[in-house]
Amino acid sequence: MRVTCEVVGEGSHDLDLPADATYGDVLESVGLSTHEASVLVDGSPVPEDRTVDSDHVRVLRLIKGG
């Protein structure tokens, strides 16, 4: 499954994921954890253990170090 993942404020990634991938796997693929970011589909957050059912997602970082 091919998914476009936009990390808000940081750019987009084209991901090739297995058919049974979860939204937690999406975060892992872009180097983030479920503790520091949320996945949004159509503007709404989705659970990390839900199977990916969209070909475009946005990731919103909740914590950004500095």
N, C-alpha and C. Protein backbone atom coordinates (compact mmCIF):
# COMPACT_ATOMS: atom_id res chain seq x y z
N MET A 1 0.85 -1.17 0.00
CA MET A 1 0.00 0.00 0.00
C MET A 1 0.90 1.23 0.00
N ARG A 2 0.58 2.17 -0.85
CA ARG A 2 1.33 3.43 -0.93
C ARG A 2 0.54 4.52 -0.23
N VAL A 3 1.21 5.21 0.69
CA VAL A 3 0.57 6.27 1.48
C VAL A 3 1.44 7.51 1.44
N THR A 4 0.80 8.65 1.20
CA THR A 4 1.50 9.93 1.31
C THR A 4 1.27 10.46 2.71
N CYS A 5 2.36 10.74 3.40
CA CYS A 5 2.29 11.20 4.79
C CYS A 5 2.89 12.59 4.87
N GLU A 6 2.06 13.57 5.21
CA GLU A 6 2.52 14.94 5.39
C GLU A 6 2.77 15.17 6.87
N VAL A 7 4.02 15.43 7.23
CA VAL A 7 4.34 15.82 8.61
C VAL A 7 4.23 17.33 8.63
N VAL A 8 3.25 17.85 9.35
CA VAL A 8 2.93 19.28 9.33
C VAL A 8 4.17 20.10 9.69
N GLY A 9 4.51 21.02 8.80
CA GLY A 9 5.64 21.90 9.00
C GLY A 9 6.99 21.29 8.67
N GLU A 10 7.02 20.03 8.23
CA GLU A 10 8.30 19.37 7.97
C GLU A 10 8.39 18.71 6.61
N GLY A 11 7.31 18.63 5.85
CA GLY A 11 7.37 18.03 4.51
C GLY A 11 6.59 16.74 4.40
N SER A 12 6.65 16.15 3.20
CA SER A 12 5.87 14.94 2.90
C SER A 12 6.79 13.75 2.64
N HIS A 13 6.25 12.57 2.89
CA HIS A 13 6.94 11.31 2.65
C HIS A 13 6.00 10.39 1.89
N ASP A 14 6.54 9.70 0.89
CA ASP A 14 5.79 8.65 0.21
C ASP A 14 6.22 7.33 0.82
N LEU A 15 5.27 6.63 1.43
CA LEU A 15 5.57 5.40 2.15
C LEU A 15 5.01 4.19 1.43
N ASP A 16 5.77 3.11 1.41
CA ASP A 16 5.29 1.81 0.94
C ASP A 16 5.10 0.95 2.17
N LEU A 17 3.85 0.65 2.51
CA LEU A 17 3.52 -0.08 3.73
C LEU A 17 2.83 -1.40 3.39
N PRO A 18 2.96 -2.41 4.28
CA PRO A 18 2.22 -3.65 4.06
C PRO A 18 0.71 -3.40 4.16
N ALA A 19 -0.07 -4.27 3.58
CA ALA A 19 -1.53 -4.11 3.56
C ALA A 19 -2.14 -4.06 4.95
N ASP A 20 -1.50 -4.69 5.94
CA ASP A 20 -2.05 -4.71 7.31
C ASP A 20 -1.41 -3.66 8.22
N ALA A 21 -0.77 -2.65 7.65
CA ALA A 21 -0.11 -1.61 8.45
C ALA A 21 -1.12 -0.81 9.26
N THR A 22 -0.67 -0.35 10.41
CA THR A 22 -1.50 0.50 11.27
C THR A 22 -0.99 1.94 11.20
N TYR A 23 -1.77 2.84 11.79
CA TYR A 23 -1.32 4.24 11.81
C TYR A 23 -0.10 4.41 12.71
N GLY A 24 0.09 3.53 13.67
CA GLY A 24 1.31 3.52 14.46
C GLY A 24 2.52 3.18 13.59
N ASP A 25 2.32 2.28 12.62
CA ASP A 25 3.39 1.95 11.67
C ASP A 25 3.75 3.16 10.80
N VAL A 26 2.74 3.96 10.46
CA VAL A 26 3.00 5.19 9.69
C VAL A 26 3.94 6.10 10.49
N LEU A 27 3.63 6.30 11.76
CA LEU A 27 4.48 7.15 12.59
C LEU A 27 5.90 6.60 12.66
N GLU A 28 6.01 5.30 12.86
CA GLU A 28 7.33 4.67 12.94
C GLU A 28 8.11 4.87 11.64
N SER A 29 7.41 4.81 10.52
CA SER A 29 8.06 4.96 9.21
C SER A 29 8.65 6.35 8.99
N VAL A 30 8.12 7.34 9.68
CA VAL A 30 8.66 8.70 9.55
C VAL A 30 9.50 9.09 10.76
N GLY A 31 9.83 8.10 11.60
CA GLY A 31 10.74 8.34 12.72
C GLY A 31 10.12 8.97 13.94
N LEU A 32 8.81 8.82 14.11
CA LEU A 32 8.13 9.40 15.26
C LEU A 32 7.43 8.30 16.07
N SER A 33 7.14 8.60 17.32
CA SER A 33 6.43 7.65 18.17
C SER A 33 5.02 8.16 18.44
N THR A 34 4.19 7.28 18.95
CA THR A 34 2.82 7.65 19.28
C THR A 34 2.76 8.62 20.46
N HIS A 35 3.86 8.75 21.19
CA HIS A 35 3.91 9.68 22.32
C HIS A 35 4.20 11.10 21.89
N GLU A 36 4.73 11.27 20.69
CA GLU A 36 5.11 12.61 20.26
C GLU A 36 4.32 13.14 19.06
N ALA A 37 3.43 12.30 18.48
CA ALA A 37 2.69 12.74 17.30
C ALA A 37 1.37 12.01 17.18
N SER A 38 0.45 12.62 16.43
CA SER A 38 -0.85 12.00 16.13
C SER A 38 -1.05 12.00 14.62
N VAL A 39 -1.74 10.96 14.15
CA VAL A 39 -2.07 10.87 12.73
C VAL A 39 -3.49 11.39 12.54
N LEU A 40 -3.65 12.23 11.52
CA LEU A 40 -4.96 12.79 11.19
C LEU A 40 -5.39 12.29 9.81
N VAL A 41 -6.63 11.87 9.71
CA VAL A 41 -7.24 11.51 8.43
C VAL A 41 -8.46 12.40 8.26
N ASP A 42 -8.50 13.14 7.19
CA ASP A 42 -9.58 14.11 6.94
C ASP A 42 -9.76 15.06 8.13
N GLY A 43 -8.64 15.44 8.76
CA GLY A 43 -8.67 16.41 9.85
C GLY A 43 -9.00 15.87 11.22
N SER A 44 -9.26 14.57 11.32
CA SER A 44 -9.59 13.96 12.61
C SER A 44 -8.52 12.96 13.03
N PRO A 45 -8.17 12.93 14.32
CA PRO A 45 -7.18 11.95 14.77
C PRO A 45 -7.72 10.54 14.69
N VAL A 46 -6.81 9.60 14.39
CA VAL A 46 -7.18 8.19 14.31
C VAL A 46 -6.34 7.40 15.32
N PRO A 47 -6.88 6.30 15.85
CA PRO A 47 -6.13 5.48 16.81
C PRO A 47 -4.90 4.85 16.16
N GLU A 48 -3.84 4.75 16.92
CA GLU A 48 -2.59 4.20 16.39
C GLU A 48 -2.69 2.73 15.99
N ASP A 49 -3.64 2.00 16.58
CA ASP A 49 -3.77 0.57 16.28
C ASP A 49 -4.78 0.28 15.16
N ARG A 50 -5.34 1.32 14.58
CA ARG A 50 -6.28 1.15 13.47
C ARG A 50 -5.52 0.87 12.18
N THR A 51 -6.03 -0.04 11.37
CA THR A 51 -5.42 -0.36 10.09
C THR A 51 -5.56 0.83 9.14
N VAL A 52 -4.49 1.13 8.43
CA VAL A 52 -4.48 2.26 7.50
C VAL A 52 -5.53 2.04 6.42
N ASP A 53 -6.41 3.04 6.26
CA ASP A 53 -7.46 2.94 5.25
C ASP A 53 -7.56 4.21 4.41
N SER A 54 -6.46 4.96 4.38
CA SER A 54 -6.43 6.19 3.60
C SER A 54 -5.08 6.28 2.88
N ASP A 55 -5.07 6.86 1.69
CA ASP A 55 -3.81 6.97 0.97
C ASP A 55 -3.11 8.31 1.20
N HIS A 56 -3.72 9.17 2.02
CA HIS A 56 -3.09 10.45 2.39
C HIS A 56 -3.40 10.73 3.86
N VAL A 57 -2.35 10.95 4.63
CA VAL A 57 -2.53 11.26 6.05
C VAL A 57 -1.67 12.47 6.41
N ARG A 58 -2.03 13.11 7.49
CA ARG A 58 -1.23 14.21 8.04
C ARG A 58 -0.78 13.79 9.42
N VAL A 59 0.44 14.13 9.77
CA VAL A 59 0.98 13.85 11.09
C VAL A 59 1.24 15.18 11.77
N LEU A 60 0.71 15.31 12.97
CA LEU A 60 0.87 16.52 13.75
C LEU A 60 1.74 16.18 14.96
N ARG A 61 2.91 16.82 15.01
CA ARG A 61 3.80 16.60 16.15
C ARG A 61 3.22 17.31 17.36
N LEU A 62 3.14 16.59 18.47
CA LEU A 62 2.61 17.15 19.71
C LEU A 62 3.71 17.75 20.54
N ILE A 63 4.93 17.24 20.38
CA ILE A 63 6.08 17.69 21.16
C ILE A 63 7.21 17.94 20.17
N LYS A 64 7.85 19.08 20.32
CA LYS A 64 9.00 19.36 19.48
C LYS A 64 10.08 19.93 20.37
N GLY A 65 11.19 19.22 20.41
CA GLY A 65 12.27 19.62 21.30
C GLY A 65 13.07 20.81 20.76
N GLY A 66 13.87 21.34 21.65
CA GLY A 66 14.70 22.47 21.19
C GLY A 66 15.75 22.80 22.18
